[in-house]
Amino acid sequence: MQIFQNNNQTLSTLRELPFKLEKEIQNLFEQNIELLSNLKLVKSEFTIKSNRIDTLAFDTESQAFVIIEYKRSQNYSVVDQGVSYLNLMLDYRADFIVEYNEVFGESLKRNDVDWSQSRIIFVSPSFTDFQKQSTNFKDFGIELWEIKQFENDIITINQIKKSKSAPSIGSMQKSVSSEISKLAKEIKNYSEEDHLLGKSDATVELYEIYKNAILNLGADIEIKPQKMVIGFTCKGKVFADFLILKSELKFWINMKAGKLDDPKLLTRDVSNVGTWGNGDYEIRVSDTTNLEYIMSLVKQALVF
């Protein structure tokens, strides 16, 4: 990615500045973790069974723990460390639960966590082609994020996306280590197809209409299937969730109670009700009668 400065319509390149220490990257990321990743910081420098984890975070959307490791150079194996740390988390789940509850004074239980969505994020100024290829599995639970700093206090962060044709690690089990095979049985990649399985043609068509209407609201919108719902994100933040029922759709708009302008009163305040989606507003639809109006409601939750 080239970064330019515009000075009266004349562009000049900005010089990339190397990070002197990994701790620089860690401090920058942790102090802005919610903005950068929409994650909740649990603990910096979390030690578990003689292993020191740089950052322990929690994803409130997927209800899963996330490990974050920072690297200044490329001379390390993301696969070996990633697999080792993820298996460590899954072997000692109670320790992660205890740490979370002690930090936040809550009573999170083991069954409240979706362990199949556990993942580790590596943050580094660059990754080798081999590192990118070796993590290009849709259900591997290892993510690569590039962070760079430039002159004039410019910071760029880019999550390296897995290819759309990325295979499942399960399909490679004959050629991978026992540690990876063990992990493959725990980590689950959910898809739209999982949610549409067994639904009627009419319900599938209804979902496709609403899905396309939401995608047309902006160029940066992405689909993020979870265990129970299908999330729609913009710049990493979920702004709407769909639950596909037998003959209708239930979805949530991610805004706090009292913030949504809904003159037709089509939504229901669920701020005091447990839900699978994000946000305090719920809508049930079985047709497209109010499609345009509902999109005007959803658009209020978008952050461009």
C-alpha atoms as a PDB file:
ATOM      1  CA  MET A   1       0.000   0.000   0.000  1.00  0.00           C
ATOM      2  CA  GLN A   2       1.412   3.389  -1.014  1.00  0.00           C
ATOM      3  CA  ILE A   3       0.613   6.355   1.242  1.00  0.00           C
ATOM      4  CA  PHE A   4       0.664   9.862  -0.240  1.00  0.00           C
ATOM      5  CA  GLN A   5       0.377  13.364   1.157  1.00  0.00           C
ATOM      6  CA  ASN A   6      -1.681  15.853  -0.866  1.00  0.00           C
ATOM      7  CA  ASN A   7      -0.141  19.335  -0.935  1.00  0.00           C
ATOM      8  CA  ASN A   8      -2.162  21.598  -3.268  1.00  0.00           C
ATOM      9  CA  GLN A   9      -2.894  18.697  -5.644  1.00  0.00           C
ATOM     10  CA  THR A  10       0.750  17.613  -5.673  1.00  0.00           C
ATOM     11  CA  LEU A  11       1.294  14.172  -4.201  1.00  0.00           C
ATOM     12  CA  SER A  12       4.391  13.181  -2.289  1.00  0.00           C
ATOM     13  CA  THR A  13       5.127   9.781  -0.768  1.00  0.00           C
ATOM     14  CA  LEU A  14       5.329   9.292   2.970  1.00  0.00           C
ATOM     15  CA  ARG A  15       8.336   7.404   4.295  1.00  0.00           C
ATOM     16  CA  GLU A  16       7.602   4.250   6.266  1.00  0.00           C
ATOM     17  CA  LEU A  17       9.074   4.313   9.787  1.00  0.00           C
ATOM     18  CA  PRO A  18      10.059   0.983  11.339  1.00  0.00           C
ATOM     19  CA  PHE A  19       8.906   0.087  14.830  1.00  0.00           C
ATOM     20  CA  LYS A  20      11.892  -0.048  17.174  1.00  0.00           C
ATOM     21  CA  LEU A  21      10.349  -2.548  19.584  1.00  0.00           C
ATOM     22  CA  GLU A  22       7.510  -5.075  19.552  1.00  0.00           C
ATOM     23  CA  LYS A  23       6.270  -3.367  22.699  1.00  0.00           C
ATOM     24  CA  GLU A  24       5.575  -0.249  20.604  1.00  0.00           C
ATOM     25  CA  ILE A  25       3.157  -2.225  18.464  1.00  0.00           C
ATOM     26  CA  GLN A  26       1.581  -3.863  21.511  1.00  0.00           C
ATOM     27  CA  ASN A  27       0.999  -0.579  23.363  1.00  0.00           C
ATOM     28  CA  LEU A  28      -0.495   1.064  20.287  1.00  0.00           C
ATOM     29  CA  PHE A  29      -2.809  -1.875  19.611  1.00  0.00           C
ATOM     30  CA  GLU A  30      -3.937  -2.398  23.207  1.00  0.00           C
ATOM     31  CA  GLN A  31      -4.686   1.282  23.800  1.00  0.00           C
ATOM     32  CA  ASN A  32      -6.929   1.311  20.705  1.00  0.00           C
ATOM     33  CA  ILE A  33      -8.106  -2.297  20.675  1.00  0.00           C
ATOM     34  CA  GLU A  34     -11.834  -1.601  20.478  1.00  0.00           C
ATOM     35  CA  LEU A  35     -11.438   0.840  17.584  1.00  0.00           C
ATOM     36  CA  LEU A  36      -9.014  -1.401  15.683  1.00  0.00           C
ATOM     37  CA  SER A  37     -10.582  -4.808  16.209  1.00  0.00           C
ATOM     38  CA  ASN A  38     -13.878  -4.358  18.083  1.00  0.00           C
ATOM     39  CA  LEU A  39     -12.453  -6.615  20.801  1.00  0.00           C
ATOM     40  CA  LYS A  40     -12.529  -6.247  24.582  1.00  0.00           C
ATOM     41  CA  LEU A  41      -9.129  -6.163  26.323  1.00  0.00           C
ATOM     42  CA  VAL A  42      -8.937  -8.742  29.095  1.00  0.00           C
ATOM     43  CA  LYS A  43      -5.257  -8.822  30.084  1.00  0.00           C
ATOM     44  CA  SER A  44      -1.885  -7.613  28.813  1.00  0.00           C
ATOM     45  CA  GLU A  45       0.951 -10.097  29.366  1.00  0.00           C
ATOM     46  CA  PHE A  46      -1.259 -13.003  30.436  1.00  0.00           C
ATOM     47  CA  THR A  47       0.767 -15.981  31.701  1.00  0.00           C
ATOM     48  CA  ILE A  48      -0.638 -19.483  31.467  1.00  0.00           C
ATOM     49  CA  LYS A  49       1.382 -22.646  32.251  1.00  0.00           C
ATOM     50  CA  SER A  50       4.722 -20.814  31.811  1.00  0.00           C
ATOM     51  CA  ASN A  51       3.602 -19.355  28.473  1.00  0.00           C
ATOM     52  CA  ARG A  52       3.337 -15.577  28.187  1.00  0.00           C
ATOM     53  CA  ILE A  53       0.559 -14.331  25.921  1.00  0.00           C
ATOM     54  CA  ASP A  54       1.045 -10.755  24.735  1.00  0.00           C
ATOM     55  CA  THR A  55      -2.646  -9.799  24.792  1.00  0.00           C
ATOM     56  CA  LEU A  56      -5.733 -11.706  25.856  1.00  0.00           C
ATOM     57  CA  ALA A  57      -8.956 -10.268  24.429  1.00  0.00           C
ATOM     58  CA  PHE A  58     -12.600 -11.264  24.166  1.00  0.00           C
ATOM     59  CA  ASP A  59     -14.893 -11.016  21.148  1.00  0.00           C
ATOM     60  CA  THR A  60     -18.343 -10.095  22.494  1.00  0.00           C
ATOM     61  CA  GLU A  61     -19.935 -10.712  19.075  1.00  0.00           C
ATOM     62  CA  SER A  62     -18.821 -14.331  18.746  1.00  0.00           C
ATOM     63  CA  GLN A  63     -18.486 -14.872  22.541  1.00  0.00           C
ATOM     64  CA  ALA A  64     -14.956 -16.193  22.127  1.00  0.00           C
ATOM     65  CA  PHE A  65     -11.478 -15.530  23.488  1.00  0.00           C
ATOM     66  CA  VAL A  66      -8.847 -14.074  21.174  1.00  0.00           C
ATOM     67  CA  ILE A  67      -5.072 -14.215  21.655  1.00  0.00           C
ATOM     68  CA  ILE A  68      -3.010 -11.423  20.070  1.00  0.00           C
ATOM     69  CA  GLU A  69       0.738 -11.709  19.447  1.00  0.00           C
ATOM     70  CA  TYR A  70       2.974  -8.927  18.124  1.00  0.00           C
ATOM     71  CA  LYS A  71       6.034  -9.445  15.925  1.00  0.00           C
ATOM     72  CA  ARG A  72       8.519  -6.901  14.583  1.00  0.00           C
ATOM     73  CA  SER A  73      10.292  -9.287  12.208  1.00  0.00           C
ATOM     74  CA  GLN A  74       9.319 -12.173   9.927  1.00  0.00           C
ATOM     75  CA  ASN A  75      11.639 -14.768  11.476  1.00  0.00           C
ATOM     76  CA  TYR A  76       9.102 -16.945  13.267  1.00  0.00           C
ATOM     77  CA  SER A  77       6.473 -19.574  12.528  1.00  0.00           C
ATOM     78  CA  VAL A  78       2.909 -18.314  12.829  1.00  0.00           C
ATOM     79  CA  VAL A  79       1.591 -21.847  12.397  1.00  0.00           C
ATOM     80  CA  ASP A  80       3.646 -23.473  15.169  1.00  0.00           C
ATOM     81  CA  GLN A  81       3.041 -20.717  17.711  1.00  0.00           C
ATOM     82  CA  GLY A  82      -0.570 -20.210  16.663  1.00  0.00           C
ATOM     83  CA  VAL A  83      -1.480 -23.887  16.949  1.00  0.00           C
ATOM     84  CA  SER A  84       0.392 -24.215  20.252  1.00  0.00           C
ATOM     85  CA  TYR A  85      -1.388 -21.236  21.839  1.00  0.00           C
ATOM     86  CA  LEU A  86      -4.834 -22.178  20.567  1.00  0.00           C
ATOM     87  CA  ASN A  87      -4.483 -25.725  21.877  1.00  0.00           C
ATOM     88  CA  LEU A  88      -3.222 -24.261  25.171  1.00  0.00           C
ATOM     89  CA  MET A  89      -6.394 -22.193  25.413  1.00  0.00           C
ATOM     90  CA  LEU A  90      -8.636 -25.149  24.663  1.00  0.00           C
ATOM     91  CA  ASP A  91      -6.776 -27.375  27.169  1.00  0.00           C
ATOM     92  CA  TYR A  92      -6.995 -24.818  29.987  1.00  0.00           C
ATOM     93  CA  ARG A  93     -10.355 -23.169  29.390  1.00  0.00           C
ATOM     94  CA  ALA A  94     -11.062 -22.688  33.082  1.00  0.00           C
ATOM     95  CA  ASP A  95      -7.976 -20.480  33.504  1.00  0.00           C
ATOM     96  CA  PHE A  96      -9.201 -18.115  30.793  1.00  0.00           C
ATOM     97  CA  ILE A  97     -12.662 -17.997  32.354  1.00  0.00           C
ATOM     98  CA  VAL A  98     -11.204 -17.224  35.792  1.00  0.00           C
ATOM     99  CA  GLU A  99      -9.035 -14.412  34.396  1.00  0.00           C
ATOM    100  CA  TYR A 100     -12.000 -12.843  32.601  1.00  0.00           C
ATOM    101  CA  ASN A 101     -14.214 -12.978  35.701  1.00  0.00           C
ATOM    102  CA  GLU A 102     -11.517 -11.569  37.970  1.00  0.00           C
ATOM    103  CA  VAL A 103     -10.837  -8.653  35.615  1.00  0.00           C
ATOM    104  CA  PHE A 104     -14.464  -7.696  35.002  1.00  0.00           C
ATOM    105  CA  GLY A 105     -16.126  -8.961  38.174  1.00  0.00           C
ATOM    106  CA  GLU A 106     -18.532 -11.072  36.117  1.00  0.00           C
ATOM    107  CA  SER A 107     -19.643 -14.694  36.264  1.00  0.00           C
ATOM    108  CA  LEU A 108     -18.902 -15.903  32.749  1.00  0.00           C
ATOM    109  CA  LYS A 109     -19.337 -19.679  32.564  1.00  0.00           C
ATOM    110  CA  ARG A 110     -17.598 -22.188  30.329  1.00  0.00           C
ATOM    111  CA  ASN A 111     -20.796 -22.835  28.354  1.00  0.00           C
ATOM    112  CA  ASP A 112     -21.198 -19.083  27.736  1.00  0.00           C
ATOM    113  CA  VAL A 113     -18.093 -19.145  25.524  1.00  0.00           C
ATOM    114  CA  ASP A 114     -18.134 -20.368  21.920  1.00  0.00           C
ATOM    115  CA  TRP A 115     -14.796 -22.174  21.961  1.00  0.00           C
ATOM    116  CA  SER A 116     -15.198 -23.155  18.307  1.00  0.00           C
ATOM    117  CA  GLN A 117     -14.614 -19.486  17.417  1.00  0.00           C
ATOM    118  CA  SER A 118     -11.331 -19.204  19.360  1.00  0.00           C
ATOM    119  CA  ARG A 119      -8.601 -17.527  17.330  1.00  0.00           C
ATOM    120  CA  ILE A 120      -5.161 -15.959  17.452  1.00  0.00           C
ATOM    121  CA  ILE A 121      -4.178 -12.737  15.697  1.00  0.00           C
ATOM    122  CA  PHE A 122      -0.588 -12.010  14.702  1.00  0.00           C
ATOM    123  CA  VAL A 123       0.163  -8.308  14.262  1.00  0.00           C
ATOM    124  CA  SER A 124       3.339  -7.433  12.355  1.00  0.00           C
ATOM    125  CA  PRO A 125       4.654  -4.851   9.867  1.00  0.00           C
ATOM    126  CA  SER A 126       4.863  -7.607   7.230  1.00  0.00           C
ATOM    127  CA  PHE A 127       4.457 -11.319   6.589  1.00  0.00           C
ATOM    128  CA  THR A 128       6.206 -13.614   4.136  1.00  0.00           C
ATOM    129  CA  ASP A 129       4.335 -15.307   1.297  1.00  0.00           C
ATOM    130  CA  PHE A 130       4.896 -18.631   3.056  1.00  0.00           C
ATOM    131  CA  GLN A 131       3.297 -17.345   6.256  1.00  0.00           C
ATOM    132  CA  LYS A 132       0.270 -16.138   4.292  1.00  0.00           C
ATOM    133  CA  GLN A 133      -0.065 -19.423   2.407  1.00  0.00           C
ATOM    134  CA  SER A 134       0.392 -21.623   5.477  1.00  0.00           C
ATOM    135  CA  THR A 135      -2.507 -19.907   7.289  1.00  0.00           C
ATOM    136  CA  ASN A 136      -4.856 -19.768   4.304  1.00  0.00           C
ATOM    137  CA  PHE A 137      -7.408 -22.233   5.694  1.00  0.00           C
ATOM    138  CA  LYS A 138     -10.957 -21.042   6.308  1.00  0.00           C
ATOM    139  CA  ASP A 139     -11.288 -22.812   9.674  1.00  0.00           C
ATOM    140  CA  PHE A 140      -7.749 -22.496  11.021  1.00  0.00           C
ATOM    141  CA  GLY A 141      -8.341 -19.798  13.658  1.00  0.00           C
ATOM    142  CA  ILE A 142      -5.123 -17.928  12.777  1.00  0.00           C
ATOM    143  CA  GLU A 143      -5.327 -14.366  11.407  1.00  0.00           C
ATOM    144  CA  LEU A 144      -2.558 -12.095  10.085  1.00  0.00           C
ATOM    145  CA  TRP A 145      -2.812  -8.306  10.478  1.00  0.00           C
ATOM    146  CA  GLU A 146      -0.236  -5.939   8.980  1.00  0.00           C
ATOM    147  CA  ILE A 147       0.514  -2.698  10.825  1.00  0.00           C
ATOM    148  CA  LYS A 148       2.725   0.068   9.424  1.00  0.00           C
ATOM    149  CA  GLN A 149       3.649   3.551  10.559  1.00  0.00           C
ATOM    150  CA  PHE A 150       4.629   6.468   8.338  1.00  0.00           C
ATOM    151  CA  GLU A 151       5.741  10.044   8.648  1.00  0.00           C
ATOM    152  CA  ASN A 152       3.216  12.561   9.995  1.00  0.00           C
ATOM    153  CA  ASP A 153       1.929  10.039  12.568  1.00  0.00           C
ATOM    154  CA  ILE A 154       0.124   7.945   9.960  1.00  0.00           C
ATOM    155  CA  ILE A 155      -0.760   4.356  10.937  1.00  0.00           C
ATOM    156  CA  THR A 156      -2.238   1.750   8.591  1.00  0.00           C
ATOM    157  CA  ILE A 157      -3.689  -1.602   9.632  1.00  0.00           C
ATOM    158  CA  ASN A 158      -4.734  -4.257   7.148  1.00  0.00           C
ATOM    159  CA  GLN A 159      -6.145  -7.684   7.925  1.00  0.00           C
ATOM    160  CA  ILE A 160      -4.902 -10.189   5.369  1.00  0.00           C
ATOM    161  CA  LYS A 161      -8.038 -11.889   4.129  1.00  0.00           C
ATOM    162  CA  LYS A 162      -8.155 -15.590   3.444  1.00  0.00           C
ATOM    163  CA  SER A 163      -8.929 -16.392  -0.173  1.00  0.00           C
ATOM    164  CA  LYS A 164     -12.514 -17.262  -1.070  1.00  0.00           C
ATOM    165  CA  SER A 165     -11.321 -20.670  -2.243  1.00  0.00           C
ATOM    166  CA  ALA A 166      -9.373 -21.365   0.968  1.00  0.00           C
ATOM    167  CA  PRO A 167      -9.691 -25.079   1.830  1.00  0.00           C
ATOM    168  CA  SER A 168     -10.714 -26.531   5.165  1.00  0.00           C
ATOM    169  CA  ILE A 169      -7.885 -27.710   7.387  1.00  0.00           C
ATOM    170  CA  GLY A 170      -9.947 -30.846   7.921  1.00  0.00           C
ATOM    171  CA  SER A 171      -9.390 -31.825   4.297  1.00  0.00           C
ATOM    172  CA  MET A 172      -5.615 -31.818   4.939  1.00  0.00           C
ATOM    173  CA  GLN A 173      -5.578 -33.974   8.063  1.00  0.00           C
ATOM    174  CA  LYS A 174      -3.512 -36.771   6.497  1.00  0.00           C
ATOM    175  CA  SER A 175      -0.614 -34.376   5.888  1.00  0.00           C
ATOM    176  CA  VAL A 176      -0.717 -32.244   9.043  1.00  0.00           C
ATOM    177  CA  SER A 177       0.598 -32.758  12.562  1.00  0.00           C
ATOM    178  CA  SER A 178      -1.410 -34.241  15.408  1.00  0.00           C
ATOM    179  CA  GLU A 179      -1.532 -30.801  17.049  1.00  0.00           C
ATOM    180  CA  ILE A 180      -3.189 -29.290  13.978  1.00  0.00           C
ATOM    181  CA  SER A 181      -5.568 -32.265  13.669  1.00  0.00           C
ATOM    182  CA  LYS A 182      -6.563 -31.781  17.296  1.00  0.00           C
ATOM    183  CA  LEU A 183      -7.242 -28.109  16.660  1.00  0.00           C
ATOM    184  CA  ALA A 184      -9.231 -28.846  13.492  1.00  0.00           C
ATOM    185  CA  LYS A 185     -11.746 -30.837  15.562  1.00  0.00           C
ATOM    186  CA  GLU A 186     -12.369 -27.836  17.835  1.00  0.00           C
ATOM    187  CA  ILE A 187     -12.399 -24.826  15.511  1.00  0.00           C
ATOM    188  CA  LYS A 188     -15.489 -24.425  13.343  1.00  0.00           C
ATOM    189  CA  ASN A 189     -15.980 -22.168  10.349  1.00  0.00           C
ATOM    190  CA  TYR A 190     -19.657 -21.238   9.997  1.00  0.00           C
ATOM    191  CA  SER A 191     -21.143 -20.337   6.621  1.00  0.00           C
ATOM    192  CA  GLU A 192     -24.388 -19.000   5.210  1.00  0.00           C
ATOM    193  CA  GLU A 193     -25.099 -22.503   3.968  1.00  0.00           C
ATOM    194  CA  ASP A 194     -25.120 -23.784   7.564  1.00  0.00           C
ATOM    195  CA  HIS A 195     -27.901 -21.319   8.412  1.00  0.00           C
ATOM    196  CA  LEU A 196     -29.905 -21.972   5.229  1.00  0.00           C
ATOM    197  CA  LEU A 197     -29.772 -25.755   5.501  1.00  0.00           C
ATOM    198  CA  GLY A 198     -33.273 -27.230   5.690  1.00  0.00           C
ATOM    199  CA  LYS A 199     -35.038 -23.903   5.123  1.00  0.00           C
ATOM    200  CA  SER A 200     -37.788 -23.563   2.508  1.00  0.00           C
ATOM    201  CA  ASP A 201     -37.121 -21.982  -0.889  1.00  0.00           C
ATOM    202  CA  ALA A 202     -39.359 -19.065   0.099  1.00  0.00           C
ATOM    203  CA  THR A 203     -37.371 -18.376   3.273  1.00  0.00           C
ATOM    204  CA  VAL A 204     -34.047 -18.628   1.420  1.00  0.00           C
ATOM    205  CA  GLU A 205     -35.318 -16.200  -1.211  1.00  0.00           C
ATOM    206  CA  LEU A 206     -36.511 -13.792   1.505  1.00  0.00           C
ATOM    207  CA  TYR A 207     -33.071 -13.878   3.125  1.00  0.00           C
ATOM    208  CA  GLU A 208     -31.322 -13.258  -0.210  1.00  0.00           C
ATOM    209  CA  ILE A 209     -33.507 -10.197  -0.858  1.00  0.00           C
ATOM    210  CA  TYR A 210     -32.772  -8.653   2.539  1.00  0.00           C
ATOM    211  CA  LYS A 211     -29.095  -9.639   2.356  1.00  0.00           C
ATOM    212  CA  ASN A 212     -28.627  -7.949  -1.022  1.00  0.00           C
ATOM    213  CA  ALA A 213     -30.497  -4.864   0.182  1.00  0.00           C
ATOM    214  CA  ILE A 214     -28.089  -4.566   3.121  1.00  0.00           C
ATOM    215  CA  LEU A 215     -24.999  -5.144   0.957  1.00  0.00           C
ATOM    216  CA  ASN A 216     -26.169  -2.334  -1.314  1.00  0.00           C
ATOM    217  CA  LEU A 217     -26.044   0.112   1.603  1.00  0.00           C
ATOM    218  CA  GLY A 218     -22.256   0.457   1.312  1.00  0.00           C
ATOM    219  CA  ALA A 219     -19.119  -0.852  -0.380  1.00  0.00           C
ATOM    220  CA  ASP A 220     -17.373  -1.868   2.878  1.00  0.00           C
ATOM    221  CA  ILE A 221     -20.092  -4.214   4.131  1.00  0.00           C
ATOM    222  CA  GLU A 222     -19.138  -7.851   4.706  1.00  0.00           C
ATOM    223  CA  ILE A 223     -20.980 -10.982   5.810  1.00  0.00           C
ATOM    224  CA  LYS A 224     -19.770 -12.693   9.002  1.00  0.00           C
ATOM    225  CA  PRO A 225     -21.639 -15.937   9.799  1.00  0.00           C
ATOM    226  CA  GLN A 226     -21.544 -16.919  13.477  1.00  0.00           C
ATOM    227  CA  LYS A 227     -22.804 -19.994  15.299  1.00  0.00           C
ATOM    228  CA  MET A 228     -26.355 -18.750  15.822  1.00  0.00           C
ATOM    229  CA  VAL A 229     -26.678 -15.726  13.530  1.00  0.00           C
ATOM    230  CA  ILE A 230     -25.353 -14.193  10.328  1.00  0.00           C
ATOM    231  CA  GLY A 231     -23.688 -10.870  11.068  1.00  0.00           C
ATOM    232  CA  PHE A 232     -23.212  -7.935   8.715  1.00  0.00           C
ATOM    233  CA  THR A 233     -20.141  -5.821   9.402  1.00  0.00           C
ATOM    234  CA  CYS A 234     -18.803  -2.455   8.300  1.00  0.00           C
ATOM    235  CA  LYS A 235     -15.181  -1.637   9.110  1.00  0.00           C
ATOM    236  CA  GLY A 236     -15.050  -4.671  11.395  1.00  0.00           C
ATOM    237  CA  LYS A 237     -18.109  -3.799  13.488  1.00  0.00           C
ATOM    238  CA  VAL A 238     -21.360  -5.772  13.340  1.00  0.00           C
ATOM    239  CA  PHE A 239     -24.304  -3.452  12.703  1.00  0.00           C
ATOM    240  CA  ALA A 240     -27.007  -6.070  12.010  1.00  0.00           C
ATOM    241  CA  ASP A 241     -27.562  -9.788  12.686  1.00  0.00           C
ATOM    242  CA  PHE A 242     -29.946 -12.241  11.000  1.00  0.00           C
ATOM    243  CA  LEU A 243     -31.500 -15.339  12.488  1.00  0.00           C
ATOM    244  CA  ILE A 244     -33.157 -17.453   9.803  1.00  0.00           C
ATOM    245  CA  LEU A 245     -36.305 -19.116  11.105  1.00  0.00           C
ATOM    246  CA  LYS A 246     -38.627 -21.590   9.416  1.00  0.00           C
ATOM    247  CA  SER A 247     -40.839 -19.085   7.597  1.00  0.00           C
ATOM    248  CA  GLU A 248     -39.481 -15.676   8.587  1.00  0.00           C
ATOM    249  CA  LEU A 249     -36.377 -13.702   9.466  1.00  0.00           C
ATOM    250  CA  LYS A 250     -35.562 -12.234  12.826  1.00  0.00           C
ATOM    251  CA  PHE A 251     -32.837  -9.643  12.911  1.00  0.00           C
ATOM    252  CA  TRP A 252     -31.314  -7.114  15.249  1.00  0.00           C
ATOM    253  CA  ILE A 253     -30.070  -3.585  14.636  1.00  0.00           C
ATOM    254  CA  ASN A 254     -26.970  -2.782  16.643  1.00  0.00           C
ATOM    255  CA  MET A 255     -27.994   0.457  18.333  1.00  0.00           C
ATOM    256  CA  LYS A 256     -28.659   1.265  21.961  1.00  0.00           C
ATOM    257  CA  ALA A 257     -32.252   1.652  23.167  1.00  0.00           C
ATOM    258  CA  GLY A 258     -33.594   5.152  22.551  1.00  0.00           C
ATOM    259  CA  LYS A 259     -31.188   5.904  19.685  1.00  0.00           C
ATOM    260  CA  LEU A 260     -33.107   4.521  16.692  1.00  0.00           C
ATOM    261  CA  ASP A 261     -35.527   6.748  14.791  1.00  0.00           C
ATOM    262  CA  ASP A 262     -38.422   4.379  14.018  1.00  0.00           C
ATOM    263  CA  PRO A 263     -41.628   6.421  13.471  1.00  0.00           C
ATOM    264  CA  LYS A 264     -43.548   3.346  12.237  1.00  0.00           C
ATOM    265  CA  LEU A 265     -42.617   1.452  15.426  1.00  0.00           C
ATOM    266  CA  LEU A 266     -41.738  -1.720  13.548  1.00  0.00           C
ATOM    267  CA  THR A 267     -38.923  -2.630  15.929  1.00  0.00           C
ATOM    268  CA  ARG A 268     -39.122  -4.081  19.426  1.00  0.00           C
ATOM    269  CA  ASP A 269     -36.934  -2.949  22.309  1.00  0.00           C
ATOM    270  CA  VAL A 270     -35.073  -6.049  23.535  1.00  0.00           C
ATOM    271  CA  SER A 271     -32.542  -4.248  25.732  1.00  0.00           C
ATOM    272  CA  ASN A 272     -33.768  -6.227  28.745  1.00  0.00           C
ATOM    273  CA  VAL A 273     -34.144  -9.522  26.909  1.00  0.00           C
ATOM    274  CA  GLY A 274     -31.422 -12.048  26.135  1.00  0.00           C
ATOM    275  CA  THR A 275     -30.812 -12.335  22.382  1.00  0.00           C
ATOM    276  CA  TRP A 276     -28.301 -13.958  20.041  1.00  0.00           C
ATOM    277  CA  GLY A 277     -27.776 -10.763  18.071  1.00  0.00           C
ATOM    278  CA  ASN A 278     -26.132  -7.426  18.739  1.00  0.00           C
ATOM    279  CA  GLY A 279     -28.169  -4.346  19.529  1.00  0.00           C
ATOM    280  CA  ASP A 280     -31.333  -3.405  21.372  1.00  0.00           C
ATOM    281  CA  TYR A 281     -33.761  -3.416  18.407  1.00  0.00           C
ATOM    282  CA  GLU A 282     -35.396  -6.523  16.976  1.00  0.00           C
ATOM    283  CA  ILE A 283     -37.489  -6.938  13.815  1.00  0.00           C
ATOM    284  CA  ARG A 284     -39.359  -9.950  12.443  1.00  0.00           C
ATOM    285  CA  VAL A 285     -40.136 -10.059   8.720  1.00  0.00           C
ATOM    286  CA  SER A 286     -41.983 -12.570   6.580  1.00  0.00           C
ATOM    287  CA  ASP A 287     -42.269 -10.507   3.390  1.00  0.00           C
ATOM    288  CA  THR A 288     -40.777  -7.467   1.650  1.00  0.00           C
ATOM    289  CA  THR A 289     -43.627  -5.041   2.307  1.00  0.00           C
ATOM    290  CA  ASN A 290     -41.515  -2.678   4.426  1.00  0.00           C
ATOM    291  CA  LEU A 291     -38.143  -3.487   2.877  1.00  0.00           C
ATOM    292  CA  GLU A 292     -37.196   0.085   1.934  1.00  0.00           C
ATOM    293  CA  TYR A 293     -38.256   1.468   5.306  1.00  0.00           C
ATOM    294  CA  ILE A 294     -36.422  -1.283   7.193  1.00  0.00           C
ATOM    295  CA  MET A 295     -33.243  -0.514   5.236  1.00  0.00           C
ATOM    296  CA  SER A 296     -33.546   3.098   6.400  1.00  0.00           C
ATOM    297  CA  LEU A 297     -33.521   1.769   9.969  1.00  0.00           C
ATOM    298  CA  VAL A 298     -30.539  -0.519   9.372  1.00  0.00           C
ATOM    299  CA  LYS A 299     -28.612   2.309   7.731  1.00  0.00           C
ATOM    300  CA  GLN A 300     -28.746   4.294  10.986  1.00  0.00           C
ATOM    301  CA  ALA A 301     -26.479   1.679  12.593  1.00  0.00           C
ATOM    302  CA  LEU A 302     -23.833   1.929   9.873  1.00  0.00           C
ATOM    303  CA  VAL A 303     -20.505   3.574  10.706  1.00  0.00           C
ATOM    304  CA  PHE A 304     -18.682   4.621   7.557  1.00  0.00           C
END
